[in-house]
Amino acid sequence: MKAGDEFAVVPGSDASDPQFTVVAATDRLVVWIYEGGDPDKVVVDYTVVDSSGTELECGHQWSADRDPV
């Protein structure tokens, strides 16, 4: 993401009481979603959208030679 960009992480409909943990690193931002805050119940059904509601793919805005994972 570029400075000033906004995004939302939206858990799938099966997630009850989703809670988020965010880890910021030099070249990435990692968002973990837990069902009910339980770290053993990681939510893997999610969507990332920008401020206009457009779905973003993993590695959004990265150059082709960078590995988003």
C-alpha atoms as a PDB file:
ATOM      1  CA  MET A   1       0.000   0.000   0.000  1.00  0.00           C
ATOM      2  CA  LYS A   2       1.140   3.516  -0.655  1.00  0.00           C
ATOM      3  CA  ALA A   3       1.173   6.154   2.071  1.00  0.00           C
ATOM      4  CA  GLY A   4      -2.371   7.385   2.640  1.00  0.00           C
ATOM      5  CA  ASP A   5      -4.040   4.349   1.052  1.00  0.00           C
ATOM      6  CA  GLU A   6      -6.825   2.755   3.051  1.00  0.00           C
ATOM      7  CA  PHE A   7      -8.021  -0.831   3.081  1.00  0.00           C
ATOM      8  CA  ALA A   8     -10.366  -3.066   5.031  1.00  0.00           C
ATOM      9  CA  VAL A   9     -10.015  -6.745   5.894  1.00  0.00           C
ATOM     10  CA  VAL A  10     -13.455  -8.344   5.824  1.00  0.00           C
ATOM     11  CA  PRO A  11     -13.814 -11.813   7.380  1.00  0.00           C
ATOM     12  CA  GLY A  12     -16.061 -14.372   5.706  1.00  0.00           C
ATOM     13  CA  SER A  13     -19.621 -14.799   6.874  1.00  0.00           C
ATOM     14  CA  ASP A  14     -18.783 -17.914   8.926  1.00  0.00           C
ATOM     15  CA  ALA A  15     -16.540 -16.012  11.359  1.00  0.00           C
ATOM     16  CA  SER A  16     -18.267 -15.347  14.651  1.00  0.00           C
ATOM     17  CA  ASP A  17     -16.933 -12.460  16.746  1.00  0.00           C
ATOM     18  CA  PRO A  18     -13.801 -11.892  14.583  1.00  0.00           C
ATOM     19  CA  GLN A  19     -10.857 -10.215  16.289  1.00  0.00           C
ATOM     20  CA  PHE A  20      -7.768  -8.905  14.527  1.00  0.00           C
ATOM     21  CA  THR A  21      -4.038  -8.796  15.238  1.00  0.00           C
ATOM     22  CA  VAL A  22      -1.831  -6.667  12.984  1.00  0.00           C
ATOM     23  CA  VAL A  23       1.934  -7.089  12.604  1.00  0.00           C
ATOM     24  CA  ALA A  24       3.862  -4.379  10.739  1.00  0.00           C
ATOM     25  CA  ALA A  25       7.228  -5.217   9.164  1.00  0.00           C
ATOM     26  CA  THR A  26       9.538  -3.235   6.903  1.00  0.00           C
ATOM     27  CA  ASP A  27       8.023  -4.475   3.651  1.00  0.00           C
ATOM     28  CA  ARG A  28       4.651  -5.923   4.612  1.00  0.00           C
ATOM     29  CA  LEU A  29       1.646  -5.746   6.888  1.00  0.00           C
ATOM     30  CA  VAL A  30       0.260  -9.019   8.247  1.00  0.00           C
ATOM     31  CA  VAL A  31      -3.308  -9.225   9.536  1.00  0.00           C
ATOM     32  CA  TRP A  32      -4.383 -12.276  11.535  1.00  0.00           C
ATOM     33  CA  ILE A  33      -8.106 -12.827  12.080  1.00  0.00           C
ATOM     34  CA  TYR A  34      -9.183 -15.022  14.989  1.00  0.00           C
ATOM     35  CA  GLU A  35     -12.666 -16.323  15.657  1.00  0.00           C
ATOM     36  CA  GLY A  36     -13.683 -15.071  19.089  1.00  0.00           C
ATOM     37  CA  GLY A  37     -10.079 -14.059  19.773  1.00  0.00           C
ATOM     38  CA  ASP A  38      -9.015 -17.720  20.001  1.00  0.00           C
ATOM     39  CA  PRO A  39      -5.544 -18.096  18.368  1.00  0.00           C
ATOM     40  CA  ASP A  40      -6.374 -21.743  17.597  1.00  0.00           C
ATOM     41  CA  LYS A  41      -9.272 -20.599  15.368  1.00  0.00           C
ATOM     42  CA  VAL A  42      -7.616 -18.642  12.569  1.00  0.00           C
ATOM     43  CA  VAL A  43     -10.087 -17.306  10.009  1.00  0.00           C
ATOM     44  CA  VAL A  44      -8.869 -18.070   6.479  1.00  0.00           C
ATOM     45  CA  ASP A  45     -11.967 -16.901   4.574  1.00  0.00           C
ATOM     46  CA  TYR A  46     -11.538 -13.149   4.124  1.00  0.00           C
ATOM     47  CA  THR A  47     -11.459 -10.367   1.546  1.00  0.00           C
ATOM     48  CA  VAL A  48      -9.256  -7.263   1.427  1.00  0.00           C
ATOM     49  CA  VAL A  49     -10.877  -4.216  -0.177  1.00  0.00           C
ATOM     50  CA  ASP A  50      -9.738  -0.656  -0.833  1.00  0.00           C
ATOM     51  CA  SER A  51     -11.683   2.455   0.175  1.00  0.00           C
ATOM     52  CA  SER A  52     -13.893   2.188  -2.929  1.00  0.00           C
ATOM     53  CA  GLY A  53     -14.776  -1.453  -2.207  1.00  0.00           C
ATOM     54  CA  THR A  54     -12.544  -2.974  -4.904  1.00  0.00           C
ATOM     55  CA  GLU A  55     -11.089  -6.344  -3.897  1.00  0.00           C
ATOM     56  CA  LEU A  56      -7.285  -6.317  -3.627  1.00  0.00           C
ATOM     57  CA  GLU A  57      -5.071  -9.295  -4.450  1.00  0.00           C
ATOM     58  CA  CYS A  58      -2.066 -10.429  -2.409  1.00  0.00           C
ATOM     59  CA  GLY A  59       0.917  -8.262  -3.357  1.00  0.00           C
ATOM     60  CA  HIS A  60      -1.240  -5.322  -4.453  1.00  0.00           C
ATOM     61  CA  GLN A  61       1.007  -2.600  -6.004  1.00  0.00           C
ATOM     62  CA  TRP A  62       4.180  -4.722  -5.811  1.00  0.00           C
ATOM     63  CA  SER A  63       6.447  -4.866  -8.846  1.00  0.00           C
ATOM     64  CA  ALA A  64       6.457  -8.112 -10.856  1.00  0.00           C
ATOM     65  CA  ASP A  65       9.905  -9.110  -9.549  1.00  0.00           C
ATOM     66  CA  ARG A  66       8.815  -9.098  -5.874  1.00  0.00           C
ATOM     67  CA  ASP A  67       7.359 -12.147  -4.179  1.00  0.00           C
ATOM     68  CA  PRO A  68       4.253 -11.084  -2.203  1.00  0.00           C
ATOM     69  CA  VAL A  69       4.575 -14.073   0.092  1.00  0.00           C
END
